[in-house]
Amino acid sequence: MTEIAKRIKKEVGRDIPWHLSAYYPAYEFDAPPTPVAALEQGRNIGIAEGLTYVYLGNVTGSPFESTYCPNCNTILIERHVFDIKAYHISAHNTCPGCGEAIPIVGSYLKE
């Protein structure tokens, strides 16, 4: 995970989202599901290596599904499974808590 995080940062940049998704057994595959602790460890590694936006997927109800401000930890985009529950980034793509610029593309515009 450390090497993957380093490569993402070096080749793509620190602000690219990195989604770590859990495996669940389905159809004819019967390997055990990915432990949530392993995904959380991967997230911690990504952040320690300097990645700004590291998310967990297929972990229903995890606080790490959502987007937080890298400066003040204000929740910016609250997600639950595949739904966006709340969107708090300003129309100027800044954090409402501290004003940090948030490099987001295709943001929801408040009308």
PDB file of N, CA and C in Angstrom:
ATOM      1  N   MET A   1       0.826  -1.194   0.000  1.00  0.00           N
ATOM      2  CA  MET A   1       0.000   0.000   0.000  1.00  0.00           C
ATOM      3  C   MET A   1       0.866   1.252   0.000  1.00  0.00           C
ATOM      4  N   THR A   2       1.958   1.192   0.732  1.00  0.00           N
ATOM      5  CA  THR A   2       2.858   2.350   0.786  1.00  0.00           C
ATOM      6  C   THR A   2       3.401   2.678  -0.598  1.00  0.00           C
ATOM      7  N   GLU A   3       3.836   1.659  -1.309  1.00  0.00           N
ATOM      8  CA  GLU A   3       4.387   1.890  -2.649  1.00  0.00           C
ATOM      9  C   GLU A   3       3.317   2.410  -3.615  1.00  0.00           C
ATOM     10  N   ILE A   4       2.104   1.901  -3.486  1.00  0.00           N
ATOM     11  CA  ILE A   4       1.015   2.384  -4.347  1.00  0.00           C
ATOM     12  C   ILE A   4       0.742   3.856  -4.052  1.00  0.00           C
ATOM     13  N   ALA A   5       0.655   4.215  -2.789  1.00  0.00           N
ATOM     14  CA  ALA A   5       0.391   5.605  -2.412  1.00  0.00           C
ATOM     15  C   ALA A   5       1.506   6.523  -2.916  1.00  0.00           C
ATOM     16  N   LYS A   6       2.755   6.094  -2.768  1.00  0.00           N
ATOM     17  CA  LYS A   6       3.879   6.896  -3.262  1.00  0.00           C
ATOM     18  C   LYS A   6       3.786   7.106  -4.765  1.00  0.00           C
ATOM     19  N   ARG A   7       3.443   6.048  -5.478  1.00  0.00           N
ATOM     20  CA  ARG A   7       3.357   6.147  -6.939  1.00  0.00           C
ATOM     21  C   ARG A   7       2.217   7.063  -7.368  1.00  0.00           C
ATOM     22  N   ILE A   8       1.072   6.957  -6.705  1.00  0.00           N
ATOM     23  CA  ILE A   8      -0.056   7.840  -7.023  1.00  0.00           C
ATOM     24  C   ILE A   8       0.367   9.293  -6.841  1.00  0.00           C
ATOM     25  N   LYS A   9       0.981   9.588  -5.718  1.00  0.00           N
ATOM     26  CA  LYS A   9       1.395  10.968  -5.433  1.00  0.00           C
ATOM     27  C   LYS A   9       2.410  11.458  -6.467  1.00  0.00           C
ATOM     28  N   LYS A  10       3.380  10.631  -6.793  1.00  0.00           N
ATOM     29  CA  LYS A  10       4.434  11.027  -7.727  1.00  0.00           C
ATOM     30  C   LYS A  10       3.922  11.182  -9.152  1.00  0.00           C
ATOM     31  N   GLU A  11       3.107  10.237  -9.610  1.00  0.00           N
ATOM     32  CA  GLU A  11       2.726  10.211 -11.020  1.00  0.00           C
ATOM     33  C   GLU A  11       1.422  10.940 -11.336  1.00  0.00           C
ATOM     34  N   VAL A  12       0.544  11.066 -10.344  1.00  0.00           N
ATOM     35  CA  VAL A  12      -0.760  11.683 -10.617  1.00  0.00           C
ATOM     36  C   VAL A  12      -0.963  12.951  -9.795  1.00  0.00           C
ATOM     37  N   GLY A  13      -0.471  12.943  -8.575  1.00  0.00           N
ATOM     38  CA  GLY A  13      -0.593  14.110  -7.717  1.00  0.00           C
ATOM     39  C   GLY A  13      -1.290  13.781  -6.414  1.00  0.00           C
ATOM     40  N   ARG A  14      -1.046  14.610  -5.423  1.00  0.00           N
ATOM     41  CA  ARG A  14      -1.557  14.347  -4.074  1.00  0.00           C
ATOM     42  C   ARG A  14      -3.059  14.518  -3.952  1.00  0.00           C
ATOM     43  N   ASP A  15      -3.683  15.298  -4.836  1.00  0.00           N
ATOM     44  CA  ASP A  15      -5.109  15.595  -4.706  1.00  0.00           C
ATOM     45  C   ASP A  15      -6.027  14.655  -5.477  1.00  0.00           C
ATOM     46  N   ILE A  16      -5.470  13.671  -6.166  1.00  0.00           N
ATOM     47  CA  ILE A  16      -6.320  12.718  -6.890  1.00  0.00           C
ATOM     48  C   ILE A  16      -6.986  11.795  -5.869  1.00  0.00           C
ATOM     49  N   PRO A  17      -8.281  11.547  -5.987  1.00  0.00           N
ATOM     50  CA  PRO A  17      -8.927  10.627  -5.043  1.00  0.00           C
ATOM     51  C   PRO A  17      -8.407   9.197  -5.202  1.00  0.00           C
ATOM     52  N   TRP A  18      -8.206   8.534  -4.092  1.00  0.00           N
ATOM     53  CA  TRP A  18      -7.814   7.119  -4.077  1.00  0.00           C
ATOM     54  C   TRP A  18      -8.894   6.375  -3.315  1.00  0.00           C
ATOM     55  N   HIS A  19      -9.619   5.500  -4.023  1.00  0.00           N
ATOM     56  CA  HIS A  19     -10.703   4.729  -3.421  1.00  0.00           C
ATOM     57  C   HIS A  19     -10.208   3.321  -3.122  1.00  0.00           C
ATOM     58  N   LEU A  20     -10.333   2.930  -1.875  1.00  0.00           N
ATOM     59  CA  LEU A  20      -9.997   1.578  -1.438  1.00  0.00           C
ATOM     60  C   LEU A  20     -11.309   0.852  -1.183  1.00  0.00           C
ATOM     61  N   SER A  21     -11.611  -0.119  -2.025  1.00  0.00           N
ATOM     62  CA  SER A  21     -12.910  -0.785  -1.951  1.00  0.00           C
ATOM     63  C   SER A  21     -12.806  -2.176  -1.356  1.00  0.00           C
ATOM     64  N   ALA A  22     -13.779  -2.494  -0.538  1.00  0.00           N
ATOM     65  CA  ALA A  22     -13.844  -3.812   0.094  1.00  0.00           C
ATOM     66  C   ALA A  22     -14.344  -4.862  -0.893  1.00  0.00           C
ATOM     67  N   TYR A  23     -13.810  -6.044  -0.787  1.00  0.00           N
ATOM     68  CA  TYR A  23     -14.293  -7.206  -1.529  1.00  0.00           C
ATOM     69  C   TYR A  23     -15.332  -7.925  -0.670  1.00  0.00           C
ATOM     70  N   TYR A  24     -16.391  -8.388  -1.315  1.00  0.00           N
ATOM     71  CA  TYR A  24     -17.386  -9.237  -0.651  1.00  0.00           C
ATOM     72  C   TYR A  24     -17.589 -10.480  -1.497  1.00  0.00           C
ATOM     73  N   PRO A  25     -17.713 -11.639  -0.870  1.00  0.00           N
ATOM     74  CA  PRO A  25     -17.932 -12.866  -1.639  1.00  0.00           C
ATOM     75  C   PRO A  25     -19.251 -12.794  -2.416  1.00  0.00           C
ATOM     76  N   ALA A  26     -19.196 -13.228  -3.651  1.00  0.00           N
ATOM     77  CA  ALA A  26     -20.397 -13.246  -4.490  1.00  0.00           C
ATOM     78  C   ALA A  26     -20.235 -14.319  -5.559  1.00  0.00           C
ATOM     79  N   TYR A  27     -21.353 -14.776  -6.024  1.00  0.00           N
ATOM     80  CA  TYR A  27     -21.424 -15.799  -7.064  1.00  0.00           C
ATOM     81  C   TYR A  27     -20.602 -17.007  -6.640  1.00  0.00           C
ATOM     82  N   GLU A  28     -19.557 -17.364  -7.367  1.00  0.00           N
ATOM     83  CA  GLU A  28     -18.784 -18.567  -7.041  1.00  0.00           C
ATOM     84  C   GLU A  28     -17.510 -18.260  -6.250  1.00  0.00           C
ATOM     85  N   PHE A  29     -17.322 -17.017  -5.876  1.00  0.00           N
ATOM     86  CA  PHE A  29     -16.145 -16.641  -5.090  1.00  0.00           C
ATOM     87  C   PHE A  29     -16.509 -16.712  -3.618  1.00  0.00           C
ATOM     88  N   ASP A  30     -15.685 -17.402  -2.849  1.00  0.00           N
ATOM     89  CA  ASP A  30     -16.025 -17.561  -1.443  1.00  0.00           C
ATOM     90  C   ASP A  30     -14.892 -17.152  -0.498  1.00  0.00           C
ATOM     91  N   ALA A  31     -13.925 -16.400  -1.016  1.00  0.00           N
ATOM     92  CA  ALA A  31     -12.880 -15.888  -0.130  1.00  0.00           C
ATOM     93  C   ALA A  31     -13.537 -14.946   0.881  1.00  0.00           C
ATOM     94  N   PRO A  32     -12.971 -14.813   2.072  1.00  0.00           N
ATOM     95  CA  PRO A  32     -13.588 -13.939   3.074  1.00  0.00           C
ATOM     96  C   PRO A  32     -13.554 -12.473   2.633  1.00  0.00           C
ATOM     97  N   PRO A  33     -14.507 -11.680   3.119  1.00  0.00           N
ATOM     98  CA  PRO A  33     -14.529 -10.262   2.747  1.00  0.00           C
ATOM     99  C   PRO A  33     -13.296  -9.522   3.279  1.00  0.00           C
ATOM    100  N   THR A  34     -12.995  -8.425   2.638  1.00  0.00           N
ATOM    101  CA  THR A  34     -11.875  -7.586   3.083  1.00  0.00           C
ATOM    102  C   THR A  34     -12.170  -7.053   4.474  1.00  0.00           C
ATOM    103  N   PRO A  35     -11.269  -7.212   5.424  1.00  0.00           N
ATOM    104  CA  PRO A  35     -11.492  -6.640   6.756  1.00  0.00           C
ATOM    105  C   PRO A  35     -11.481  -5.107   6.691  1.00  0.00           C
ATOM    106  N   VAL A  36     -12.417  -4.476   7.366  1.00  0.00           N
ATOM    107  CA  VAL A  36     -12.487  -3.015   7.399  1.00  0.00           C
ATOM    108  C   VAL A  36     -11.184  -2.445   7.958  1.00  0.00           C
ATOM    109  N   ALA A  37     -10.615  -3.116   8.935  1.00  0.00           N
ATOM    110  CA  ALA A  37      -9.355  -2.642   9.527  1.00  0.00           C
ATOM    111  C   ALA A  37      -8.241  -2.556   8.479  1.00  0.00           C
ATOM    112  N   ALA A  38      -8.222  -3.478   7.527  1.00  0.00           N
ATOM    113  CA  ALA A  38      -7.204  -3.446   6.473  1.00  0.00           C
ATOM    114  C   ALA A  38      -7.411  -2.227   5.568  1.00  0.00           C
ATOM    115  N   LEU A  39      -8.664  -1.926   5.260  1.00  0.00           N
ATOM    116  CA  LEU A  39      -8.952  -0.743   4.446  1.00  0.00           C
ATOM    117  C   LEU A  39      -8.596   0.538   5.194  1.00  0.00           C
ATOM    118  N   GLU A  40      -8.919   0.574   6.475  1.00  0.00           N
ATOM    119  CA  GLU A  40      -8.586   1.759   7.274  1.00  0.00           C
ATOM    120  C   GLU A  40      -7.073   1.925   7.383  1.00  0.00           C
ATOM    121  N   GLN A  41      -6.343   0.829   7.489  1.00  0.00           N
ATOM    122  CA  GLN A  41      -4.889   0.891   7.514  1.00  0.00           C
ATOM    123  C   GLN A  41      -4.376   1.439   6.181  1.00  0.00           C
ATOM    124  N   GLY A  42      -4.957   0.996   5.083  1.00  0.00           N
ATOM    125  CA  GLY A  42      -4.582   1.513   3.768  1.00  0.00           C
ATOM    126  C   GLY A  42      -4.844   3.002   3.655  1.00  0.00           C
ATOM    127  N   ARG A  43      -5.963   3.445   4.188  1.00  0.00           N
ATOM    128  CA  ARG A  43      -6.285   4.880   4.191  1.00  0.00           C
ATOM    129  C   ARG A  43      -5.243   5.651   4.995  1.00  0.00           C
ATOM    130  N   ASN A  44      -4.902   5.144   6.158  1.00  0.00           N
ATOM    131  CA  ASN A  44      -3.893   5.803   6.991  1.00  0.00           C
ATOM    132  C   ASN A  44      -2.546   5.883   6.277  1.00  0.00           C
ATOM    133  N   ILE A  45      -2.191   4.834   5.560  1.00  0.00           N
ATOM    134  CA  ILE A  45      -0.937   4.828   4.798  1.00  0.00           C
ATOM    135  C   ILE A  45      -0.987   5.892   3.709  1.00  0.00           C
ATOM    136  N   GLY A  46      -2.080   5.947   2.970  1.00  0.00           N
ATOM    137  CA  GLY A  46      -2.208   6.945   1.906  1.00  0.00           C
ATOM    138  C   GLY A  46      -2.068   8.359   2.430  1.00  0.00           C
ATOM    139  N   ILE A  47      -2.718   8.637   3.536  1.00  0.00           N
ATOM    140  CA  ILE A  47      -2.638   9.971   4.131  1.00  0.00           C
ATOM    141  C   ILE A  47      -1.215  10.240   4.638  1.00  0.00           C
ATOM    142  N   ALA A  48      -0.593   9.244   5.272  1.00  0.00           N
ATOM    143  CA  ALA A  48       0.777   9.407   5.760  1.00  0.00           C
ATOM    144  C   ALA A  48       1.756   9.665   4.616  1.00  0.00           C
ATOM    145  N   GLU A  49       1.465   9.121   3.451  1.00  0.00           N
ATOM    146  CA  GLU A  49       2.329   9.326   2.279  1.00  0.00           C
ATOM    147  C   GLU A  49       2.020  10.630   1.549  1.00  0.00           C
ATOM    148  N   GLY A  50       1.049  11.382   2.064  1.00  0.00           N
ATOM    149  CA  GLY A  50       0.787  12.706   1.502  1.00  0.00           C
ATOM    150  C   GLY A  50      -0.397  12.817   0.575  1.00  0.00           C
ATOM    151  N   LEU A  51      -1.202  11.757   0.448  1.00  0.00           N
ATOM    152  CA  LEU A  51      -2.407  11.860  -0.373  1.00  0.00           C
ATOM    153  C   LEU A  51      -3.483  12.599   0.419  1.00  0.00           C
ATOM    154  N   THR A  52      -4.188  13.476  -0.252  1.00  0.00           N
ATOM    155  CA  THR A  52      -5.159  14.336   0.423  1.00  0.00           C
ATOM    156  C   THR A  52      -6.528  13.682   0.574  1.00  0.00           C
ATOM    157  N   TYR A  53      -6.967  12.946  -0.441  1.00  0.00           N
ATOM    158  CA  TYR A  53      -8.329  12.416  -0.459  1.00  0.00           C
ATOM    159  C   TYR A  53      -8.306  10.905  -0.648  1.00  0.00           C
ATOM    160  N   VAL A  54      -8.374  10.174   0.457  1.00  0.00           N
ATOM    161  CA  VAL A  54      -8.384   8.713   0.419  1.00  0.00           C
ATOM    162  C   VAL A  54      -9.706   8.248   1.018  1.00  0.00           C
ATOM    163  N   TYR A  55     -10.425   7.423   0.271  1.00  0.00           N
ATOM    164  CA  TYR A  55     -11.770   7.000   0.656  1.00  0.00           C
ATOM    165  C   TYR A  55     -11.868   5.496   0.782  1.00  0.00           C
ATOM    166  N   LEU A  56     -12.850   5.050   1.572  1.00  0.00           N
ATOM    167  CA  LEU A  56     -13.202   3.635   1.633  1.00  0.00           C
ATOM    168  C   LEU A  56     -14.491   3.428   0.859  1.00  0.00           C
ATOM    169  N   GLY A  57     -14.560   2.326   0.138  1.00  0.00           N
ATOM    170  CA  GLY A  57     -15.769   1.975  -0.604  1.00  0.00           C
ATOM    171  C   GLY A  57     -16.260   0.608  -0.177  1.00  0.00           C
ATOM    172  N   ASN A  58     -17.535   0.369  -0.364  1.00  0.00           N
ATOM    173  CA  ASN A  58     -18.187  -0.881   0.024  1.00  0.00           C
ATOM    174  C   ASN A  58     -18.103  -1.124   1.526  1.00  0.00           C
ATOM    175  N   VAL A  59     -18.045  -0.047   2.298  1.00  0.00           N
ATOM    176  CA  VAL A  59     -18.047  -0.128   3.754  1.00  0.00           C
ATOM    177  C   VAL A  59     -19.174   0.792   4.220  1.00  0.00           C
ATOM    178  N   THR A  60     -20.366   0.264   4.236  1.00  0.00           N
ATOM    179  CA  THR A  60     -21.552   1.060   4.542  1.00  0.00           C
ATOM    180  C   THR A  60     -21.454   1.717   5.905  1.00  0.00           C
ATOM    181  N   GLY A  61     -21.670   3.024   5.913  1.00  0.00           N
ATOM    182  CA  GLY A  61     -21.704   3.765   7.158  1.00  0.00           C
ATOM    183  C   GLY A  61     -20.352   4.209   7.684  1.00  0.00           C
ATOM    184  N   SER A  62     -19.284   3.944   6.957  1.00  0.00           N
ATOM    185  CA  SER A  62     -17.963   4.375   7.412  1.00  0.00           C
ATOM    186  C   SER A  62     -17.841   5.887   7.266  1.00  0.00           C
ATOM    187  N   PRO A  63     -17.248   6.557   8.253  1.00  0.00           N
ATOM    188  CA  PRO A  63     -17.030   7.997   8.096  1.00  0.00           C
ATOM    189  C   PRO A  63     -16.031   8.293   6.978  1.00  0.00           C
ATOM    190  N   PHE A  64     -15.300   7.286   6.535  1.00  0.00           N
ATOM    191  CA  PHE A  64     -14.289   7.487   5.499  1.00  0.00           C
ATOM    192  C   PHE A  64     -14.854   7.362   4.084  1.00  0.00           C
ATOM    193  N   GLU A  65     -16.188   7.284   3.953  1.00  0.00           N
ATOM    194  CA  GLU A  65     -16.842   7.393   2.648  1.00  0.00           C
ATOM    195  C   GLU A  65     -16.888   8.849   2.203  1.00  0.00           C
ATOM    196  N   SER A  66     -16.806   9.767   3.145  1.00  0.00           N
ATOM    197  CA  SER A  66     -17.040  11.182   2.905  1.00  0.00           C
ATOM    198  C   SER A  66     -15.747  11.941   2.632  1.00  0.00           C
ATOM    199  N   THR A  67     -15.914  13.178   2.143  1.00  0.00           N
ATOM    200  CA  THR A  67     -14.789  14.063   1.856  1.00  0.00           C
ATOM    201  C   THR A  67     -14.680  15.097   2.955  1.00  0.00           C
ATOM    202  N   TYR A  68     -13.461  15.261   3.476  1.00  0.00           N
ATOM    203  CA  TYR A  68     -13.187  16.223   4.536  1.00  0.00           C
ATOM    204  C   TYR A  68     -12.164  17.247   4.057  1.00  0.00           C
ATOM    205  N   CYS A  69     -12.221  18.436   4.621  1.00  0.00           N
ATOM    206  CA  CYS A  69     -11.231  19.459   4.321  1.00  0.00           C
ATOM    207  C   CYS A  69      -9.874  18.986   4.840  1.00  0.00           C
ATOM    208  N   PRO A  70      -8.840  19.011   3.999  1.00  0.00           N
ATOM    209  CA  PRO A  70      -7.524  18.576   4.461  1.00  0.00           C
ATOM    210  C   PRO A  70      -6.889  19.553   5.451  1.00  0.00           C
ATOM    211  N   ASN A  71      -7.428  20.752   5.548  1.00  0.00           N
ATOM    212  CA  ASN A  71      -6.862  21.755   6.446  1.00  0.00           C
ATOM    213  C   ASN A  71      -7.527  21.738   7.827  1.00  0.00           C
ATOM    214  N   CYS A  72      -8.884  21.720   7.861  1.00  0.00           N
ATOM    215  CA  CYS A  72      -9.577  21.847   9.155  1.00  0.00           C
ATOM    216  C   CYS A  72     -10.481  20.659   9.489  1.00  0.00           C
ATOM    217  N   ASN A  73     -10.577  19.683   8.593  1.00  0.00           N
ATOM    218  CA  ASN A  73     -11.359  18.459   8.785  1.00  0.00           C
ATOM    219  C   ASN A  73     -12.870  18.675   8.780  1.00  0.00           C
ATOM    220  N   THR A  74     -13.330  19.821   8.286  1.00  0.00           N
ATOM    221  CA  THR A  74     -14.770  20.039   8.109  1.00  0.00           C
ATOM    222  C   THR A  74     -15.280  19.080   7.048  1.00  0.00           C
ATOM    223  N   ILE A  75     -16.458  18.498   7.271  1.00  0.00           N
ATOM    224  CA  ILE A  75     -17.024  17.611   6.255  1.00  0.00           C
ATOM    225  C   ILE A  75     -17.472  18.456   5.063  1.00  0.00           C
ATOM    226  N   LEU A  76     -17.007  18.074   3.878  1.00  0.00           N
ATOM    227  CA  LEU A  76     -17.316  18.807   2.651  1.00  0.00           C
ATOM    228  C   LEU A  76     -18.395  18.116   1.831  1.00  0.00           C
ATOM    229  N   ILE A  77     -18.234  16.815   1.649  1.00  0.00           N
ATOM    230  CA  ILE A  77     -19.225  16.013   0.926  1.00  0.00           C
ATOM    231  C   ILE A  77     -19.515  14.796   1.792  1.00  0.00           C
ATOM    232  N   GLU A  78     -20.743  14.718   2.272  1.00  0.00           N
ATOM    233  CA  GLU A  78     -21.140  13.586   3.112  1.00  0.00           C
ATOM    234  C   GLU A  78     -21.784  12.535   2.231  1.00  0.00           C
ATOM    235  N   ARG A  79     -21.204  11.334   2.251  1.00  0.00           N
ATOM    236  CA  ARG A  79     -21.718  10.234   1.422  1.00  0.00           C
ATOM    237  C   ARG A  79     -22.208   9.096   2.309  1.00  0.00           C
ATOM    238  N   HIS A  80     -23.161   8.352   1.754  1.00  0.00           N
ATOM    239  CA  HIS A  80     -23.619   7.107   2.373  1.00  0.00           C
ATOM    240  C   HIS A  80     -23.889   6.146   1.228  1.00  0.00           C
ATOM    241  N   VAL A  81     -23.074   5.116   1.123  1.00  0.00           N
ATOM    242  CA  VAL A  81     -23.103   4.136   0.044  1.00  0.00           C
ATOM    243  C   VAL A  81     -22.900   4.888  -1.280  1.00  0.00           C
ATOM    244  N   PHE A  82     -23.926   4.993  -2.133  1.00  0.00           N
ATOM    245  CA  PHE A  82     -23.783   5.662  -3.424  1.00  0.00           C
ATOM    246  C   PHE A  82     -24.452   7.032  -3.446  1.00  0.00           C
ATOM    247  N   ASP A  83     -24.962   7.478  -2.324  1.00  0.00           N
ATOM    248  CA  ASP A  83     -25.690   8.742  -2.275  1.00  0.00           C
ATOM    249  C   ASP A  83     -24.854   9.849  -1.650  1.00  0.00           C
ATOM    250  N   ILE A  84     -25.038  11.050  -2.175  1.00  0.00           N
ATOM    251  CA  ILE A  84     -24.479  12.231  -1.531  1.00  0.00           C
ATOM    252  C   ILE A  84     -25.575  12.766  -0.620  1.00  0.00           C
ATOM    253  N   LYS A  85     -25.280  12.782   0.673  1.00  0.00           N
ATOM    254  CA  LYS A  85     -26.255  13.234   1.673  1.00  0.00           C
ATOM    255  C   LYS A  85     -26.187  14.737   1.891  1.00  0.00           C
ATOM    256  N   ALA A  86     -25.006  15.326   1.773  1.00  0.00           N
ATOM    257  CA  ALA A  86     -24.849  16.770   1.968  1.00  0.00           C
ATOM    258  C   ALA A  86     -23.629  17.229   1.194  1.00  0.00           C
ATOM    259  N   TYR A  87     -23.720  18.443   0.668  1.00  0.00           N
ATOM    260  CA  TYR A  87     -22.636  19.045  -0.106  1.00  0.00           C
ATOM    261  C   TYR A  87     -22.386  20.429   0.459  1.00  0.00           C
ATOM    262  N   HIS A  88     -21.197  20.644   1.028  1.00  0.00           N
ATOM    263  CA  HIS A  88     -20.915  21.888   1.733  1.00  0.00           C
ATOM    264  C   HIS A  88     -19.834  22.746   1.089  1.00  0.00           C
ATOM    265  N   ILE A  89     -19.309  22.364  -0.064  1.00  0.00           N
ATOM    266  CA  ILE A  89     -18.269  23.162  -0.705  1.00  0.00           C
ATOM    267  C   ILE A  89     -18.922  24.404  -1.312  1.00  0.00           C
ATOM    268  N   SER A  90     -18.284  25.542  -1.116  1.00  0.00           N
ATOM    269  CA  SER A  90     -18.854  26.793  -1.623  1.00  0.00           C
ATOM    270  C   SER A  90     -18.841  26.818  -3.145  1.00  0.00           C
ATOM    271  N   ALA A  91     -19.571  27.767  -3.718  1.00  0.00           N
ATOM    272  CA  ALA A  91     -19.620  27.929  -5.170  1.00  0.00           C
ATOM    273  C   ALA A  91     -18.240  28.269  -5.741  1.00  0.00           C
ATOM    274  N   HIS A  92     -17.337  28.741  -4.895  1.00  0.00           N
ATOM    275  CA  HIS A  92     -15.981  29.078  -5.322  1.00  0.00           C
ATOM    276  C   HIS A  92     -14.996  27.950  -5.015  1.00  0.00           C
ATOM    277  N   ASN A  93     -15.526  26.758  -4.733  1.00  0.00           N
ATOM    278  CA  ASN A  93     -14.725  25.565  -4.424  1.00  0.00           C
ATOM    279  C   ASN A  93     -13.783  25.781  -3.243  1.00  0.00           C
ATOM    280  N   THR A  94     -14.354  26.296  -2.157  1.00  0.00           N
ATOM    281  CA  THR A  94     -13.599  26.468  -0.933  1.00  0.00           C
ATOM    282  C   THR A  94     -14.335  25.834   0.234  1.00  0.00           C
ATOM    283  N   CYS A  95     -13.588  25.529   1.278  1.00  0.00           N
ATOM    284  CA  CYS A  95     -14.153  24.966   2.499  1.00  0.00           C
ATOM    285  C   CYS A  95     -14.935  26.053   3.242  1.00  0.00           C
ATOM    286  N   PRO A  96     -16.147  25.742   3.696  1.00  0.00           N
ATOM    287  CA  PRO A  96     -16.916  26.735   4.443  1.00  0.00           C
ATOM    288  C   PRO A  96     -16.351  26.983   5.842  1.00  0.00           C
ATOM    289  N   GLY A  97     -15.523  26.070   6.330  1.00  0.00           N
ATOM    290  CA  GLY A  97     -14.967  26.211   7.667  1.00  0.00           C
ATOM    291  C   GLY A  97     -13.743  27.102   7.737  1.00  0.00           C
ATOM    292  N   CYS A  98     -12.851  26.974   6.738  1.00  0.00           N
ATOM    293  CA  CYS A  98     -11.581  27.697   6.813  1.00  0.00           C
ATOM    294  C   CYS A  98     -11.204  28.439   5.536  1.00  0.00           C
ATOM    295  N   GLY A  99     -11.955  28.218   4.461  1.00  0.00           N
ATOM    296  CA  GLY A  99     -11.663  28.896   3.203  1.00  0.00           C
ATOM    297  C   GLY A  99     -10.620  28.212   2.339  1.00  0.00           C
ATOM    298  N   GLU A 100     -10.147  27.038   2.753  1.00  0.00           N
ATOM    299  CA  GLU A 100      -9.159  26.274   1.978  1.00  0.00           C
ATOM    300  C   GLU A 100      -9.710  26.000   0.573  1.00  0.00           C
ATOM    301  N   ALA A 101      -8.889  26.195  -0.452  1.00  0.00           N
ATOM    302  CA  ALA A 101      -9.276  25.863  -1.827  1.00  0.00           C
ATOM    303  C   ALA A 101      -9.402  24.347  -1.944  1.00  0.00           C
ATOM    304  N   ILE A 102     -10.501  23.896  -2.509  1.00  0.00           N
ATOM    305  CA  ILE A 102     -10.761  22.461  -2.676  1.00  0.00           C
ATOM    306  C   ILE A 102     -10.733  22.163  -4.179  1.00  0.00           C
ATOM    307  N   PRO A 103      -9.748  21.391  -4.644  1.00  0.00           N
ATOM    308  CA  PRO A 103      -9.606  21.135  -6.078  1.00  0.00           C
ATOM    309  C   PRO A 103     -10.579  20.060  -6.553  1.00  0.00           C
ATOM    310  N   ILE A 104     -11.806  20.466  -6.782  1.00  0.00           N
ATOM    311  CA  ILE A 104     -12.839  19.518  -7.190  1.00  0.00           C
ATOM    312  C   ILE A 104     -13.303  19.872  -8.603  1.00  0.00           C
ATOM    313  N   VAL A 105     -13.548  18.847  -9.401  1.00  0.00           N
ATOM    314  CA  VAL A 105     -14.016  19.023 -10.763  1.00  0.00           C
ATOM    315  C   VAL A 105     -15.428  18.474 -10.845  1.00  0.00           C
ATOM    316  N   GLY A 106     -16.304  19.184 -11.546  1.00  0.00           N
ATOM    317  CA  GLY A 106     -17.666  18.695 -11.705  1.00  0.00           C
ATOM    318  C   GLY A 106     -18.481  18.808 -10.446  1.00  0.00           C
ATOM    319  N   SER A 107     -18.209  19.830  -9.667  1.00  0.00           N
ATOM    320  CA  SER A 107     -18.925  19.994  -8.399  1.00  0.00           C
ATOM    321  C   SER A 107     -20.390  20.334  -8.625  1.00  0.00           C
ATOM    322  N   TYR A 108     -21.191  20.044  -7.631  1.00  0.00           N
ATOM    323  CA  TYR A 108     -22.598  20.400  -7.658  1.00  0.00           C
ATOM    324  C   TYR A 108     -22.694  21.899  -7.425  1.00  0.00           C
ATOM    325  N   LEU A 109     -23.319  22.594  -8.319  1.00  0.00           N
ATOM    326  CA  LEU A 109     -23.464  24.032  -8.155  1.00  0.00           C
ATOM    327  C   LEU A 109     -24.734  24.328  -7.401  1.00  0.00           C
ATOM    328  N   LYS A 110     -24.614  25.192  -6.411  1.00  0.00           N
ATOM    329  CA  LYS A 110     -25.789  25.601  -5.660  1.00  0.00           C
ATOM    330  C   LYS A 110     -26.513  26.681  -6.458  1.00  0.00           C
ATOM    331  N   GLU A 111     -27.778  26.485  -6.663  1.00  0.00           N
ATOM    332  CA  GLU A 111     -28.555  27.451  -7.459  1.00  0.00           C
ATOM    333  C   GLU A 111     -29.368  28.337  -6.567  1.00  0.00           C
TER     334      GLU A 111
END
